[in-house]
Amino acid sequence: MGQKCHPYGFRVVYTKNWHSKWYAKRDYATLLHEDLKLRKELKSQLHALNGMVSKIDIERAADKVTVRIFTARPGIVIGRKGAEIDKLREDLQKKLNRPVSVDIQEIKKPEVDAQLVAEGVAQQLERRIAFRRAMRKAEEAAIRFGAKGFKIKVSGRLNGAEIARTEDYLSGQMPLQTIRANVDYGFAEARTTYGVIGVKVWVNMGDQPAETVKR
């Protein structure tokens, strides 16, 4: 039986960290759904600006919320003279009814960020670019920018075929069961005229010493 666990959750504490950092007893469910809603809204808002956002970390301490946005295009997210980020901060403070600070972190190599690669391939599929060409292009860029291994899997009605199928491509080393391997995972959906195509990406940046993350 194919018993699977999420590639990110599998590595939390060892080589990965939590995307939400806070503690709650009674309001756990409320804060959790607040985080999920906030991420979804921010992601769609910044996606419309083509901000190339990989992940959004949320940290809560006492009554203050820190939103950390990891993006390959910090200039677009910040805006001219910081106008966009000020507007974003004000909107978040109105929604959450508490002080919010927004921190922008730049992703230096978007070619080896699995989430950005998956979203890039999904956008190409929506523009009707051949899936094999998009996969090959992503693989070549990742290997060129220092990835030790690259794996991509696309599933759905590829090229508008009547029957859905799965195609994958693997290059280099991809030790999915080794926790010390710094494997990044990303998932995106391409909403085409003939249905949704799922894109999964794994990027291996080589072994790294397991550093236990502080709880």
Protein backbone atom coordinates (compact mmCIF):
# COMPACT_ATOMS: atom_id res chain seq x y z
CA MET A 1 0.00 0.00 0.00
CA GLY A 2 1.28 3.48 -0.84
CA GLN A 3 1.29 5.07 2.61
CA LYS A 4 2.57 8.60 2.05
CA CYS A 5 3.35 11.57 4.28
CA HIS A 6 3.81 15.20 3.29
CA PRO A 7 7.44 15.90 2.25
CA TYR A 8 7.55 19.11 4.31
CA GLY A 9 5.88 17.76 7.47
CA PHE A 10 8.22 14.75 7.34
CA ARG A 11 11.24 17.09 7.74
CA VAL A 12 9.86 19.60 10.27
CA VAL A 13 12.18 19.96 13.31
CA TYR A 14 15.10 18.35 11.45
CA THR A 15 15.80 20.49 8.37
CA LYS A 16 12.57 22.52 8.09
CA ASN A 17 10.72 24.95 10.35
CA TRP A 18 7.04 25.65 11.01
CA HIS A 19 5.25 28.21 8.82
CA SER A 20 3.18 29.32 11.83
CA LYS A 21 4.87 30.07 15.16
CA TRP A 22 2.53 30.63 18.08
CA TYR A 23 0.93 28.88 21.04
CA ALA A 24 -2.72 28.85 22.04
CA LYS A 25 -4.95 26.84 24.36
CA ARG A 26 -8.55 27.94 23.84
CA ASP A 27 -8.39 29.91 20.59
CA TYR A 28 -6.36 27.34 18.62
CA ALA A 29 -9.04 26.64 15.97
CA THR A 30 -9.83 30.36 15.52
CA LEU A 31 -6.17 31.32 15.07
CA LEU A 32 -5.50 28.37 12.76
CA HIS A 33 -8.34 29.32 10.40
CA GLU A 34 -7.27 32.96 10.63
CA ASP A 35 -3.77 31.93 9.46
CA LEU A 36 -5.13 29.80 6.60
CA LYS A 37 -7.48 32.56 5.41
CA LEU A 38 -4.72 35.18 5.68
CA ARG A 39 -2.29 33.08 3.61
CA LYS A 40 -4.90 32.36 0.94
CA GLU A 41 -5.90 36.03 0.57
CA LEU A 42 -2.31 37.32 0.59
CA LYS A 43 -1.20 34.71 -1.92
CA SER A 44 -4.00 35.55 -4.39
CA GLN A 45 -3.49 39.32 -3.88
CA LEU A 46 0.27 39.13 -4.53
CA HIS A 47 -0.18 36.59 -7.35
CA ALA A 48 -2.27 39.20 -9.19
CA LEU A 49 0.74 41.56 -8.94
CA ASN A 50 3.04 38.74 -10.17
CA GLY A 51 4.98 38.96 -6.91
CA MET A 52 6.31 35.35 -7.10
CA VAL A 53 5.59 34.47 -3.45
CA SER A 54 6.99 31.13 -2.28
CA LYS A 55 5.70 30.98 1.30
CA ILE A 56 4.21 33.15 4.04
CA ASP A 57 5.28 32.64 7.67
CA ILE A 58 3.11 33.96 10.50
CA GLU A 59 4.46 34.60 13.99
CA ARG A 60 2.30 35.64 16.95
CA ALA A 61 3.76 37.06 20.17
CA ALA A 62 1.38 38.46 22.82
CA ASP A 63 -0.91 40.80 20.82
CA LYS A 64 1.43 41.42 17.87
CA VAL A 65 1.46 39.52 14.54
CA THR A 66 4.51 39.30 12.27
CA VAL A 67 3.88 38.31 8.66
CA ARG A 68 7.01 37.21 6.80
CA ILE A 69 6.68 37.04 3.00
CA PHE A 70 9.30 35.12 0.99
CA THR A 71 9.33 36.43 -2.57
CA ALA A 72 11.60 36.45 -5.62
CA ARG A 73 10.41 39.98 -6.51
CA PRO A 74 10.60 42.10 -3.34
CA GLY A 75 10.44 45.33 -5.37
CA ILE A 76 6.93 44.53 -6.65
CA VAL A 77 5.66 43.53 -3.17
CA ILE A 78 7.17 46.63 -1.47
CA GLY A 79 6.06 49.01 -4.24
CA ARG A 80 7.39 52.45 -5.10
CA LYS A 81 8.68 54.16 -1.94
CA GLY A 82 7.07 51.37 0.13
CA ALA A 83 3.51 52.31 -0.87
CA GLU A 84 2.30 48.74 -1.48
CA ILE A 85 3.69 47.34 1.77
CA ASP A 86 2.18 50.22 3.82
CA LYS A 87 -1.20 49.58 2.25
CA LEU A 88 -0.82 45.85 2.91
CA ARG A 89 0.06 46.46 6.57
CA GLU A 90 -2.98 48.72 7.06
CA ASP A 91 -5.31 46.15 5.46
CA LEU A 92 -3.95 43.36 7.67
CA GLN A 93 -4.34 45.47 10.83
CA LYS A 94 -7.99 46.15 9.96
CA LYS A 95 -8.66 42.45 9.33
CA LEU A 96 -6.87 41.14 12.43
CA ASN A 97 -7.66 44.05 14.81
CA ARG A 98 -4.13 43.99 16.25
CA PRO A 99 -0.68 45.47 15.43
CA VAL A 100 0.90 43.82 12.37
CA SER A 101 4.45 44.05 11.07
CA VAL A 102 5.26 42.87 7.54
CA ASP A 103 8.73 41.54 6.76
CA ILE A 104 9.85 40.90 3.17
CA GLN A 105 12.50 38.22 2.58
CA GLU A 106 14.10 37.93 -0.86
CA ILE A 107 14.59 34.53 -2.51
CA LYS A 108 17.97 34.77 -4.24
CA LYS A 109 17.55 31.68 -6.47
CA PRO A 110 13.91 31.19 -7.52
CA GLU A 111 15.08 28.45 -9.95
CA VAL A 112 15.69 26.08 -7.00
CA ASP A 113 12.65 27.07 -4.92
CA ALA A 114 10.26 24.14 -5.43
CA GLN A 115 7.05 26.14 -4.91
CA LEU A 116 8.04 28.86 -7.39
CA VAL A 117 9.16 26.23 -9.93
CA ALA A 118 5.81 24.40 -9.60
CA GLU A 119 3.86 27.64 -10.05
CA GLY A 120 6.01 28.61 -13.04
CA VAL A 121 5.34 25.28 -14.77
CA ALA A 122 1.60 25.58 -13.96
CA GLN A 123 1.50 29.04 -15.58
CA GLN A 124 3.21 27.67 -18.69
CA LEU A 125 0.65 24.84 -18.92
CA GLU A 126 -2.15 27.43 -18.68
CA ARG A 127 -0.56 29.24 -21.64
CA ARG A 128 -0.73 25.92 -23.57
CA ILE A 129 3.03 25.31 -23.66
CA ALA A 130 3.89 21.61 -24.14
CA PHE A 131 4.23 19.99 -20.71
CA ARG A 132 7.42 18.07 -21.59
CA ARG A 133 9.13 21.27 -22.70
CA ALA A 134 8.08 23.08 -19.50
CA MET A 135 9.34 20.19 -17.34
CA ARG A 136 12.68 19.97 -19.16
CA LYS A 137 13.21 23.74 -18.97
CA ALA A 138 12.56 23.76 -15.18
CA GLU A 139 14.93 20.80 -14.67
CA GLU A 140 17.76 22.41 -16.65
CA ALA A 141 17.44 25.70 -14.72
CA ALA A 142 17.46 23.94 -11.32
CA ILE A 143 20.55 21.84 -12.12
CA ARG A 144 22.31 24.92 -13.52
CA PHE A 145 21.70 26.82 -10.26
CA GLY A 146 23.21 24.12 -8.04
CA ALA A 147 20.51 21.50 -7.38
CA LYS A 148 21.87 17.99 -6.74
CA GLY A 149 18.62 16.42 -7.88
CA PHE A 150 15.29 17.43 -9.42
CA LYS A 151 11.97 15.61 -9.73
CA ILE A 152 8.74 16.86 -11.30
CA LYS A 153 5.38 15.15 -11.70
CA VAL A 154 2.37 16.43 -13.67
CA SER A 155 -1.05 14.77 -13.52
CA GLY A 156 -4.28 15.37 -15.41
CA ARG A 157 -5.53 15.69 -18.98
CA LEU A 158 -2.12 16.45 -20.44
CA ASN A 159 -2.25 18.20 -23.84
CA GLY A 160 -6.04 17.92 -23.63
CA ALA A 161 -6.03 14.11 -23.80
CA GLU A 162 -9.33 12.29 -23.20
CA ILE A 163 -7.88 10.12 -20.42
CA ALA A 164 -5.96 11.70 -17.52
CA ARG A 165 -2.47 10.36 -16.85
CA THR A 166 0.68 11.08 -14.85
CA GLU A 167 4.06 11.95 -16.34
CA ASP A 168 7.17 12.47 -14.23
CA TYR A 169 10.81 13.35 -14.81
CA LEU A 170 13.79 12.71 -12.52
CA SER A 171 17.32 14.05 -12.81
CA GLY A 172 20.20 13.54 -10.36
CA GLN A 173 19.76 12.28 -6.78
CA MET A 174 16.42 12.41 -4.95
CA PRO A 175 16.61 10.60 -1.56
CA LEU A 176 13.00 11.10 -0.42
CA GLN A 177 13.41 8.96 2.73
CA THR A 178 16.60 10.64 3.96
CA ILE A 179 15.82 13.38 6.46
CA ARG A 180 19.30 14.94 6.33
CA ALA A 181 18.86 15.64 2.60
CA ASN A 182 17.71 19.23 2.06
CA VAL A 183 14.71 18.41 -0.16
CA ASP A 184 12.31 21.23 -0.97
CA TYR A 185 8.74 20.44 -2.11
CA GLY A 186 6.21 22.50 -4.01
CA PHE A 187 2.70 21.98 -5.41
CA ALA A 188 0.62 24.04 -7.83
CA GLU A 189 -2.45 23.60 -10.03
CA ALA A 190 -2.80 24.66 -13.65
CA ARG A 191 -6.44 25.52 -14.39
CA THR A 192 -6.69 24.84 -18.12
CA THR A 193 -9.75 24.89 -20.38
CA TYR A 194 -9.84 21.08 -20.36
CA GLY A 195 -9.44 20.61 -16.59
CA VAL A 196 -7.06 21.00 -13.67
CA ILE A 197 -3.49 19.70 -13.99
CA GLY A 198 -1.53 19.14 -10.77
CA VAL A 199 2.20 19.92 -10.66
CA LYS A 200 4.48 18.52 -7.93
CA VAL A 201 8.15 19.48 -7.66
CA TRP A 202 10.98 18.15 -5.49
CA VAL A 203 14.38 19.90 -5.42
CA ASN A 204 17.37 18.31 -3.66
CA MET A 205 20.05 20.80 -2.59
CA GLY A 206 22.32 18.14 -1.05
CA ASP A 207 22.87 16.85 2.49
CA GLN A 208 22.95 19.25 5.41
CA PRO A 209 23.54 18.64 9.14
CA ALA A 210 20.24 18.11 10.97
CA GLU A 211 19.73 21.17 13.14
CA THR A 212 16.94 20.71 15.65
CA VAL A 213 14.57 23.66 15.43
CA LYS A 214 13.68 25.27 18.77
CA ARG A 215 10.12 24.51 19.72
